[in-house]
Amino acid sequence: MRVSHATAAVKPVFDDPNLVSCAGLAPLLILAERAGLHRLVAEHVRLGAPGGVFPQVKVPALVAGMVAGADSIDDMDLLRHGGMDRLFTGIRAPSTLGIFLRAFTFGHVRQLDAVAARFVANLARVTPLLPGAGAGGLAYLDVDDTVKATYGYTKAGAGHGYTGVKGLNAMLGTVSTPLAAPVIVASRLRRGAANSARGAARLVADALATAARMGADPAAGSLVIVRADSAFYGQPTVAAARRAGARFSITARQTPTVRRAITTIDPNGWTPIHYPNAFVDPDTGELVSDAEVAEIPFTAFTGRRAGGQVTARLIVRRVKRLNPAGMPAGQGELFTVWRYHACFSDSPLPMLDAEVAHRGHAIIEQVHADLKNGPLAHLPCASFAANSAWLVLAVIAFNLTRAAGTLASTLHARATTGTIRAQLITVPARLAHSARRLSIHLPSDWPWQAAWQQLFNAAVHPPPAIG
């Protein structure tokens, strides 16, 4: 592929006031308004600082910029080009949006959390965001944290956490079903050195309340399983899940009590299992395709009072430990040595299904990657509260993009947000007025034309509300 003319014959001119680079924002902001984003911000966000006026205008502007690919405050300038002011109203300069973010305090961030929770619940009512989560259905709530690296000396709260990287710690709760990609139902930004489980019980409770409003309600007959890794193995997290009527499946730490319990498993009680899709062993980084699984009853948190102890299933997977690299070639093993991985669960699923479902917790890593490939590429402010608000806005943008994908096509319903952004949102277009109508002229032969048109039609002419 080459340029069709000689280099000297190509002349770029930035002079067309009718062009926009992200026409896909039009159906997404229509969808956001249908889900009540502007109304929710007006009802719940009250900033007293001078720069905090009109949050119902500035919050959607920040979300729109993030949806279009902005990952810093200066990037919000991508909303101010060509015919954007003819296609949209309420566009604000990056400096104005930066002042607005710096007006946030911790209490204002919690107000924004309330908006995010209600907004994703509304999205689930007007789009097929969480199919299969209703009565008799199955949903998973995954909880995990990630460290976002930061740079400079003025970033409030930055510190070295469990990864050894200096940054801030973001904890997320995502809900998904076997039919639906994950959406974010709770988030917290913590200091970089925060323990992973700090505040986890509160986040689990908030996430389960939001999931219930989206249809994944244990009280209405849904099976909701809270999944987490060993960092969240503790009585507060389990208790928060049980109080909401949910089940749990949490990786058990290899404590002396757990190791003693594993030794009591009957040697004949192991069930061989072959994984058609090999997975990476978290200890060695090796691909594992064959293993053995067993389970026994187990009482955890025995150091607590009787009311704090929990009895459930200890589901154990064991994998053969391979010979070290320094072992002489051809020398066989004298006896089999195993590596053990246990999860503590009260899931009602059969043992092998419960073990496979627990490993599905890794799906939340894709959400972390999506956010870091988009609005969470940076935490752009020195203020901790402003960065906390930025995280919540990134969550709103993520869920809005995910909802748009469900309306566009079955492919985009499970695609990454980066794919949705490239194929449906950052689509160039030319605006034209005729007979008091605004026409959006998009590229001919656009490969994803059908999906874009379906998204636009569903946003402008919505079907009856879901659920």
Protein backbone atom coordinates (compact mmCIF):
# COMPACT_ATOMS: atom_id res chain seq x y z
CA MET A 1 0.00 0.00 0.00
CA ARG A 2 1.40 3.39 -1.04
CA VAL A 3 0.34 7.01 -1.24
CA SER A 4 -1.51 7.49 -4.54
CA HIS A 5 0.30 10.73 -5.51
CA ALA A 6 3.84 11.96 -5.41
CA THR A 7 4.84 13.38 -2.04
CA ALA A 8 5.02 16.92 -3.40
CA ALA A 9 1.43 16.66 -4.66
CA VAL A 10 -0.03 15.86 -1.24
CA LYS A 11 -1.09 18.97 0.70
CA PRO A 12 -2.78 18.69 4.15
CA VAL A 13 -5.13 21.56 5.05
CA PHE A 14 -6.99 21.74 8.38
CA ASP A 15 -9.90 23.90 7.24
CA ASP A 16 -13.15 21.87 7.21
CA PRO A 17 -15.58 22.94 9.99
CA ASN A 18 -18.00 20.12 9.15
CA LEU A 19 -15.81 17.12 9.94
CA VAL A 20 -15.77 15.12 13.19
CA SER A 21 -13.37 12.31 14.08
CA CYS A 22 -15.59 10.37 16.50
CA ALA A 23 -19.13 10.19 15.11
CA GLY A 24 -19.81 7.13 17.27
CA LEU A 25 -20.15 9.43 20.27
CA ALA A 26 -23.58 10.46 18.99
CA PRO A 27 -25.39 7.16 19.69
CA LEU A 28 -23.41 6.63 22.89
CA LEU A 29 -24.42 9.96 24.37
CA ILE A 30 -28.02 9.32 23.34
CA LEU A 31 -27.76 6.01 25.21
CA ALA A 32 -26.19 7.77 28.21
CA GLU A 33 -29.08 10.21 28.35
CA ARG A 34 -31.62 7.39 28.10
CA ALA A 35 -29.90 5.69 31.05
CA GLY A 36 -30.20 8.95 33.02
CA LEU A 37 -26.56 10.01 33.35
CA HIS A 38 -27.28 13.75 33.23
CA ARG A 39 -30.23 13.45 35.62
CA LEU A 40 -28.32 11.26 38.09
CA VAL A 41 -25.38 13.68 38.23
CA ALA A 42 -27.73 16.61 38.80
CA GLU A 43 -29.45 14.73 41.63
CA HIS A 44 -26.44 13.32 43.47
CA VAL A 45 -23.33 15.44 42.84
CA ARG A 46 -23.05 18.70 44.79
CA LEU A 47 -19.67 20.44 44.66
CA GLY A 48 -19.34 23.58 46.71
CA ALA A 49 -16.13 24.92 45.15
CA PRO A 50 -16.43 27.63 42.45
CA GLY A 51 -15.10 25.28 39.77
CA GLY A 52 -17.65 22.62 40.67
CA VAL A 53 -20.70 24.25 39.09
CA PHE A 54 -22.77 22.46 36.44
CA PRO A 55 -21.57 18.90 37.17
CA GLN A 56 -24.42 17.57 35.00
CA VAL A 57 -22.59 19.11 32.02
CA LYS A 58 -18.96 18.45 32.94
CA VAL A 59 -19.29 14.81 34.04
CA PRO A 60 -20.82 13.71 30.68
CA ALA A 61 -18.13 15.72 28.88
CA LEU A 62 -15.37 13.89 30.74
CA VAL A 63 -17.07 10.54 30.11
CA ALA A 64 -17.45 11.35 26.40
CA GLY A 65 -13.77 12.23 26.13
CA MET A 66 -12.78 8.96 27.81
CA VAL A 67 -15.08 6.95 25.55
CA ALA A 68 -13.41 8.59 22.53
CA GLY A 69 -9.94 7.68 23.80
CA ALA A 70 -8.81 10.54 26.08
CA ASP A 71 -6.51 9.35 28.87
CA SER A 72 -5.49 12.71 30.33
CA ILE A 73 -7.07 16.10 30.95
CA ASP A 74 -5.30 17.71 27.98
CA ASP A 75 -6.67 14.93 25.74
CA MET A 76 -10.18 16.27 26.39
CA ASP A 77 -9.37 18.79 23.66
CA LEU A 78 -10.30 16.09 21.14
CA LEU A 79 -13.91 17.09 21.83
CA ARG A 80 -13.24 20.54 20.36
CA HIS A 81 -12.64 20.19 16.64
CA GLY A 82 -14.47 20.56 13.35
CA GLY A 83 -18.23 20.23 13.72
CA MET A 84 -18.27 18.82 17.27
CA ASP A 85 -19.99 21.94 18.60
CA ARG A 86 -22.75 21.40 16.00
CA LEU A 87 -23.22 17.74 16.88
CA PHE A 88 -23.03 18.18 20.65
CA THR A 89 -23.71 20.81 23.30
CA GLY A 90 -22.02 21.25 26.67
CA ILE A 91 -18.46 20.85 25.40
CA ARG A 92 -15.95 22.30 27.87
CA ALA A 93 -12.27 23.22 27.61
CA PRO A 94 -9.72 20.88 29.23
CA SER A 95 -8.73 23.60 31.71
CA THR A 96 -12.35 23.91 32.86
CA LEU A 97 -12.65 20.15 33.28
CA GLY A 98 -9.35 20.03 35.19
CA ILE A 99 -10.55 22.70 37.63
CA PHE A 100 -13.76 20.75 38.06
CA LEU A 101 -11.89 17.53 38.94
CA ARG A 102 -9.68 19.30 41.46
CA ALA A 103 -12.80 20.54 43.27
CA PHE A 104 -13.62 16.96 44.38
CA THR A 105 -13.20 15.76 47.94
CA PHE A 106 -13.69 12.21 49.29
CA GLY A 107 -17.38 12.88 49.95
CA HIS A 108 -17.91 14.12 46.40
CA VAL A 109 -16.25 10.97 45.05
CA ARG A 110 -18.76 8.90 47.01
CA GLN A 111 -21.53 10.97 45.41
CA LEU A 112 -20.07 10.07 42.02
CA ASP A 113 -19.94 6.40 43.12
CA ALA A 114 -23.69 6.59 43.71
CA VAL A 115 -24.14 7.91 40.17
CA ALA A 116 -22.00 5.13 38.70
CA ALA A 117 -23.93 2.41 40.55
CA ARG A 118 -27.34 3.72 39.49
CA PHE A 119 -26.16 4.38 35.94
CA VAL A 120 -24.96 0.83 35.30
CA ALA A 121 -28.21 -0.51 36.76
CA ASN A 122 -30.15 1.72 34.34
CA LEU A 123 -27.97 0.53 31.46
CA ALA A 124 -28.91 -3.06 32.32
CA ARG A 125 -32.57 -2.10 32.04
CA VAL A 126 -32.30 -0.50 28.60
CA THR A 127 -29.67 -2.80 27.02
CA PRO A 128 -28.95 -6.55 27.19
CA LEU A 129 -25.95 -5.84 29.41
CA LEU A 130 -26.27 -8.85 31.74
CA PRO A 131 -28.24 -11.66 30.07
CA GLY A 132 -28.73 -14.84 32.07
CA ALA A 133 -28.47 -13.16 35.48
CA GLY A 134 -32.15 -13.24 36.43
CA ALA A 135 -34.12 -15.74 38.50
CA GLY A 136 -32.63 -19.19 38.03
CA GLY A 137 -29.55 -17.72 36.35
CA LEU A 138 -25.89 -17.60 37.30
CA ALA A 139 -23.68 -14.55 37.79
CA TYR A 140 -20.15 -14.06 39.05
CA LEU A 141 -18.89 -11.11 41.07
CA ASP A 142 -15.11 -10.87 40.71
CA VAL A 143 -13.06 -8.72 43.07
CA ASP A 144 -9.43 -7.81 42.52
CA ASP A 145 -7.06 -4.88 42.67
CA THR A 146 -4.37 -3.55 40.37
CA VAL A 147 -1.54 -1.08 40.79
CA LYS A 148 -1.39 1.80 38.32
CA ALA A 149 2.11 3.14 38.05
CA THR A 150 2.53 6.88 38.64
CA TYR A 151 5.50 9.20 38.21
CA GLY A 152 6.70 12.38 39.85
CA TYR A 153 6.82 13.51 43.46
CA THR A 154 3.51 15.38 43.79
CA LYS A 155 1.08 12.48 43.26
CA ALA A 156 -0.83 12.23 46.54
CA GLY A 157 -1.07 8.72 47.97
CA ALA A 158 1.48 7.15 45.62
CA GLY A 159 3.59 4.41 47.15
CA HIS A 160 5.18 1.03 46.59
CA GLY A 161 2.65 -1.79 46.90
CA TYR A 162 2.78 -5.56 46.57
CA THR A 163 4.11 -5.34 42.98
CA GLY A 164 7.07 -3.19 43.99
CA VAL A 165 5.88 -0.54 41.53
CA LYS A 166 5.26 3.00 42.77
CA GLY A 167 1.69 3.97 42.07
CA LEU A 168 -1.90 3.99 43.27
CA ASN A 169 -4.04 0.94 43.99
CA ALA A 170 -7.41 0.54 42.26
CA MET A 171 -9.81 -2.14 43.53
CA LEU A 172 -12.65 -3.20 41.23
CA GLY A 173 -15.73 -5.38 41.45
CA THR A 174 -17.05 -6.76 38.15
CA VAL A 175 -20.16 -8.81 37.43
CA SER A 176 -20.51 -11.19 34.50
CA THR A 177 -22.48 -14.22 33.40
CA PRO A 178 -21.63 -17.18 31.15
CA LEU A 179 -23.33 -15.17 28.36
CA ALA A 180 -22.09 -11.66 29.17
CA ALA A 181 -18.74 -9.92 29.32
CA PRO A 182 -17.93 -8.27 32.67
CA VAL A 183 -19.11 -4.81 33.65
CA ILE A 184 -17.81 -2.84 36.62
CA VAL A 185 -20.23 -2.44 39.53
CA ALA A 186 -17.90 -0.99 42.19
CA SER A 187 -14.51 0.70 42.38
CA ARG A 188 -12.19 2.25 44.96
CA LEU A 189 -8.90 4.05 44.59
CA ARG A 190 -6.53 3.39 47.49
CA ARG A 191 -3.04 4.48 48.40
CA GLY A 192 -0.29 2.65 46.59
CA ALA A 193 0.85 0.74 49.68
CA ALA A 194 -2.67 -0.38 50.62
CA ASN A 195 -3.24 -4.01 51.55
CA SER A 196 -5.28 -5.72 48.85
CA ALA A 197 -8.07 -6.72 51.25
CA ARG A 198 -8.43 -3.26 52.80
CA GLY A 199 -12.04 -2.17 52.33
CA ALA A 200 -12.87 -5.34 50.37
CA ALA A 201 -15.88 -6.24 52.53
CA ARG A 202 -17.48 -2.84 51.94
CA LEU A 203 -16.79 -3.03 48.20
CA VAL A 204 -18.29 -6.55 48.00
CA ALA A 205 -21.42 -5.35 49.78
CA ASP A 206 -21.80 -2.33 47.48
CA ALA A 207 -21.10 -4.43 44.38
CA LEU A 208 -23.67 -7.07 45.32
CA ALA A 209 -26.29 -4.37 45.95
CA THR A 210 -25.66 -2.93 42.48
CA ALA A 211 -25.67 -6.39 40.88
CA ALA A 212 -29.04 -7.06 42.50
CA ARG A 213 -30.45 -3.92 40.87
CA MET A 214 -29.15 -5.25 37.55
CA GLY A 215 -31.07 -8.52 37.96
CA ALA A 216 -28.43 -10.69 39.66
CA ASP A 217 -30.34 -10.83 42.93
CA PRO A 218 -29.99 -13.86 45.24
CA ALA A 219 -33.25 -12.89 46.93
CA ALA A 220 -35.02 -13.28 43.56
CA GLY A 221 -33.54 -16.69 42.79
CA SER A 222 -30.24 -15.83 41.09
CA LEU A 223 -27.11 -17.76 41.95
CA VAL A 224 -24.37 -15.17 42.54
CA ILE A 225 -20.84 -16.39 43.32
CA VAL A 226 -18.18 -14.00 44.64
CA ARG A 227 -14.75 -14.95 43.29
CA ALA A 228 -11.41 -13.62 44.52
CA ASP A 229 -7.77 -14.63 44.87
CA SER A 230 -5.89 -15.43 48.06
CA ALA A 231 -5.31 -11.75 48.91
CA PHE A 232 -9.01 -11.57 49.82
CA TYR A 233 -9.10 -14.84 51.77
CA GLY A 234 -10.56 -13.65 55.05
CA GLN A 235 -13.67 -13.74 57.19
CA PRO A 236 -14.83 -10.15 56.41
CA THR A 237 -15.01 -10.81 52.64
CA VAL A 238 -16.84 -14.13 53.11
CA ALA A 239 -19.23 -12.60 55.64
CA ALA A 240 -20.08 -9.72 53.29
CA ALA A 241 -20.97 -12.20 50.53
CA ARG A 242 -23.11 -14.33 52.84
CA ARG A 243 -24.99 -11.35 54.28
CA ALA A 244 -26.17 -10.51 50.75
CA GLY A 245 -27.22 -14.11 50.06
CA ALA A 246 -24.35 -14.76 47.64
CA ARG A 247 -21.98 -17.73 47.53
CA PHE A 248 -18.20 -17.44 47.52
CA SER A 249 -15.19 -19.05 45.86
CA ILE A 250 -11.89 -17.68 47.14
CA THR A 251 -8.37 -19.00 46.68
CA ALA A 252 -7.16 -20.31 50.04
CA ARG A 253 -3.78 -19.29 51.35
CA GLN A 254 -1.36 -22.14 51.97
CA THR A 255 -1.53 -21.77 55.75
CA PRO A 256 -0.48 -24.64 58.04
CA THR A 257 -4.19 -25.38 58.65
CA VAL A 258 -4.90 -25.64 54.92
CA ARG A 259 -1.82 -27.79 54.31
CA ARG A 260 -2.81 -30.16 57.11
CA ALA A 261 -6.30 -30.46 55.64
CA ILE A 262 -4.87 -31.34 52.22
CA THR A 263 -2.86 -34.20 53.75
CA THR A 264 -6.10 -35.79 55.01
CA ILE A 265 -7.51 -36.24 51.50
CA ASP A 266 -7.99 -39.92 50.66
CA PRO A 267 -5.35 -40.98 48.08
CA ASN A 268 -8.16 -42.61 46.12
CA GLY A 269 -10.30 -39.47 46.24
CA TRP A 270 -8.50 -37.62 43.46
CA THR A 271 -10.28 -37.22 40.11
CA PRO A 272 -8.03 -36.86 37.03
CA ILE A 273 -9.02 -34.00 34.74
CA HIS A 274 -7.76 -32.86 31.36
CA TYR A 275 -8.13 -29.19 30.40
CA PRO A 276 -8.67 -28.83 26.62
CA ASN A 277 -7.52 -25.21 26.92
CA ALA A 278 -4.30 -25.29 28.90
CA PHE A 279 -3.87 -22.52 31.47
CA VAL A 280 -0.83 -20.90 33.03
CA ASP A 281 0.24 -22.15 36.45
CA PRO A 282 0.41 -19.09 38.74
CA ASP A 283 3.47 -20.47 40.57
CA THR A 284 5.70 -21.53 37.70
CA GLY A 285 4.30 -19.86 34.59
CA GLU A 286 4.06 -23.27 32.91
CA LEU A 287 1.09 -24.39 30.86
CA VAL A 288 -1.03 -26.96 32.66
CA SER A 289 -3.34 -29.32 30.78
CA ASP A 290 -3.58 -32.30 33.16
CA ALA A 291 -4.28 -32.27 36.88
CA GLU A 292 -6.19 -34.05 39.64
CA VAL A 293 -8.96 -32.54 41.76
CA ALA A 294 -10.43 -33.49 45.13
CA GLU A 295 -12.50 -31.85 47.83
CA ILE A 296 -13.05 -32.14 51.57
CA PRO A 297 -15.13 -30.25 54.16
CA PHE A 298 -13.12 -27.50 55.80
CA THR A 299 -13.65 -24.99 58.59
CA ALA A 300 -11.80 -21.73 58.03
CA PHE A 301 -10.93 -18.81 60.29
CA THR A 302 -10.79 -21.03 63.39
CA GLY A 303 -8.92 -18.32 65.26
CA ARG A 304 -12.13 -16.31 65.43
CA ARG A 305 -15.08 -16.74 67.73
CA ALA A 306 -17.58 -19.46 66.91
CA GLY A 307 -19.76 -17.03 64.97
CA GLY A 308 -16.86 -16.02 62.76
CA GLN A 309 -15.85 -19.51 61.68
CA VAL A 310 -17.04 -20.70 58.27
CA THR A 311 -17.45 -24.32 57.17
CA ALA A 312 -17.58 -25.03 53.45
CA ARG A 313 -15.71 -26.99 50.76
CA LEU A 314 -11.98 -27.00 50.20
CA ILE A 315 -11.54 -27.82 46.50
CA VAL A 316 -7.94 -28.76 45.78
CA ARG A 317 -6.20 -29.08 42.42
CA ARG A 318 -2.83 -30.78 42.31
CA VAL A 319 -0.33 -30.70 39.46
CA LYS A 320 2.83 -32.74 39.09
CA ARG A 321 5.98 -30.81 39.89
CA LEU A 322 8.29 -31.15 36.88
CA ASN A 323 11.94 -32.08 37.24
CA PRO A 324 14.25 -29.08 37.73
CA ALA A 325 16.18 -27.89 34.68
CA GLY A 326 19.44 -29.11 36.24
CA MET A 327 18.28 -32.74 36.46
CA PRO A 328 20.37 -35.12 34.30
CA ALA A 329 18.66 -35.98 31.02
CA GLY A 330 16.67 -39.18 31.07
CA GLN A 331 16.58 -39.56 34.85
CA GLY A 332 13.08 -40.51 35.96
CA GLU A 333 11.35 -39.52 39.16
CA LEU A 334 11.80 -41.55 42.34
CA PHE A 335 8.34 -40.55 43.55
CA THR A 336 5.71 -38.08 42.43
CA VAL A 337 5.86 -34.59 43.91
CA TRP A 338 2.79 -32.36 43.64
CA ARG A 339 1.96 -28.67 43.75
CA TYR A 340 -1.37 -27.91 45.40
CA HIS A 341 -3.82 -25.09 44.70
CA ALA A 342 -6.89 -24.83 46.92
CA CYS A 343 -10.03 -22.72 46.81
CA PHE A 344 -12.47 -22.31 49.67
CA SER A 345 -16.03 -22.30 48.41
CA ASP A 346 -19.66 -22.90 49.26
CA SER A 347 -20.62 -23.05 45.59
CA PRO A 348 -23.44 -25.54 44.88
CA LEU A 349 -21.84 -26.52 41.57
CA PRO A 350 -20.35 -30.03 41.18
CA MET A 351 -16.69 -30.26 42.17
CA LEU A 352 -15.14 -30.15 38.69
CA ASP A 353 -17.51 -27.41 37.52
CA ALA A 354 -16.80 -25.38 40.66
CA GLU A 355 -13.03 -25.72 40.10
CA VAL A 356 -13.29 -24.59 36.48
CA ALA A 357 -15.61 -21.73 37.43
CA HIS A 358 -13.17 -20.54 40.08
CA ARG A 359 -10.34 -20.25 37.57
CA GLY A 360 -12.67 -18.06 35.48
CA HIS A 361 -11.90 -15.33 38.02
CA ALA A 362 -9.01 -14.39 35.73
CA ILE A 363 -11.53 -12.60 33.50
CA ILE A 364 -11.16 -9.51 35.69
CA GLU A 365 -7.59 -9.13 34.45
CA GLN A 366 -9.03 -8.30 31.03
CA VAL A 367 -11.00 -5.45 32.63
CA HIS A 368 -7.79 -4.13 34.21
CA ALA A 369 -6.09 -4.30 30.82
CA ASP A 370 -9.02 -2.56 29.11
CA LEU A 371 -8.95 0.33 31.57
CA LYS A 372 -5.17 0.72 31.33
CA ASN A 373 -5.46 0.69 27.55
CA GLY A 374 -7.96 3.53 27.80
CA PRO A 375 -8.84 6.21 30.37
CA LEU A 376 -6.71 4.64 33.12
CA ALA A 377 -3.51 4.89 31.10
CA HIS A 378 -2.80 7.82 33.43
CA LEU A 379 -4.03 9.12 36.76
CA PRO A 380 -3.59 12.72 35.66
CA CYS A 381 -3.99 14.81 38.82
CA ALA A 382 -1.81 15.50 41.84
CA SER A 383 -4.90 15.42 44.06
CA PHE A 384 -5.88 11.97 45.38
CA ALA A 385 -9.59 12.87 45.38
CA ALA A 386 -9.39 14.09 41.78
CA ASN A 387 -7.75 10.82 40.72
CA SER A 388 -10.43 8.91 42.62
CA ALA A 389 -13.08 10.80 40.64
CA TRP A 390 -11.14 10.05 37.44
CA LEU A 391 -11.33 6.31 38.23
CA VAL A 392 -15.10 6.47 38.74
CA LEU A 393 -15.53 8.39 35.48
CA ALA A 394 -13.40 5.75 33.73
CA VAL A 395 -15.74 3.08 35.12
CA ILE A 396 -18.79 4.94 33.79
CA ALA A 397 -17.12 5.26 30.37
CA PHE A 398 -16.21 1.54 30.38
CA ASN A 399 -19.77 0.45 31.19
CA LEU A 400 -21.27 2.82 28.61
CA THR A 401 -18.93 1.46 25.94
CA ARG A 402 -19.75 -2.12 26.95
CA ALA A 403 -23.49 -1.38 26.76
CA ALA A 404 -23.08 0.13 23.30
CA GLY A 405 -21.29 -3.02 22.17
CA THR A 406 -24.23 -5.18 23.27
CA LEU A 407 -26.55 -3.10 21.06
CA ALA A 408 -24.22 -3.17 18.04
CA SER A 409 -23.63 -6.89 17.43
CA THR A 410 -22.88 -10.19 19.10
CA LEU A 411 -19.21 -9.70 18.18
CA HIS A 412 -18.99 -6.30 19.88
CA ALA A 413 -20.96 -7.53 22.91
CA ARG A 414 -17.83 -9.42 24.02
CA ALA A 415 -15.14 -7.34 22.32
CA THR A 416 -12.64 -5.26 24.27
CA THR A 417 -13.43 -1.60 24.73
CA GLY A 418 -10.43 -0.76 22.52
CA THR A 419 -12.00 -2.72 19.66
CA ILE A 420 -15.38 -1.04 20.17
CA ARG A 421 -13.69 2.37 20.24
CA ALA A 422 -11.75 1.73 17.03
CA GLN A 423 -14.65 0.23 15.05
CA LEU A 424 -17.73 2.07 16.32
CA ILE A 425 -16.73 5.30 18.07
CA THR A 426 -13.72 6.94 16.41
CA VAL A 427 -15.41 6.89 13.02
CA PRO A 428 -14.83 10.03 10.90
CA ALA A 429 -17.90 11.78 9.52
CA ARG A 430 -18.99 14.95 7.75
CA LEU A 431 -21.99 16.96 8.99
CA ALA A 432 -24.54 18.53 6.65
CA HIS A 433 -27.69 20.55 7.38
CA SER A 434 -30.75 20.18 5.18
CA ALA A 435 -34.41 20.96 5.90
CA ARG A 436 -33.64 21.51 9.58
CA ARG A 437 -32.11 18.06 9.80
CA LEU A 438 -28.53 17.17 10.60
CA SER A 439 -27.11 14.41 8.40
CA ILE A 440 -24.01 12.48 9.44
CA HIS A 441 -22.12 11.29 6.37
CA LEU A 442 -19.88 8.36 7.28
CA PRO A 443 -17.27 6.56 5.14
CA SER A 444 -18.65 4.30 2.45
CA ASP A 445 -17.71 0.62 2.70
CA TRP A 446 -16.93 0.98 6.42
CA PRO A 447 -16.37 -2.67 7.47
CA TRP A 448 -18.54 -2.31 10.59
CA GLN A 449 -21.31 -0.26 8.98
CA ALA A 450 -24.07 -2.72 9.92
CA ALA A 451 -23.02 -2.78 13.58
CA TRP A 452 -22.76 1.04 13.71
CA GLN A 453 -26.19 1.43 12.12
CA GLN A 454 -27.70 -1.11 14.52
CA LEU A 455 -26.21 0.76 17.47
CA PHE A 456 -27.55 4.08 16.22
CA ASN A 457 -31.03 2.68 15.53
CA ALA A 458 -31.20 1.01 18.95
CA ALA A 459 -30.14 4.24 20.67
CA VAL A 460 -32.50 6.53 18.76
CA HIS A 461 -35.46 4.14 18.48
CA PRO A 462 -35.16 1.96 21.56
CA PRO A 463 -37.13 -1.27 21.99
CA PRO A 464 -39.20 -1.74 25.17
CA ALA A 465 -37.13 -1.70 28.37
CA ILE A 466 -35.51 -4.99 29.34
CA GLY A 467 -36.55 -6.76 32.51
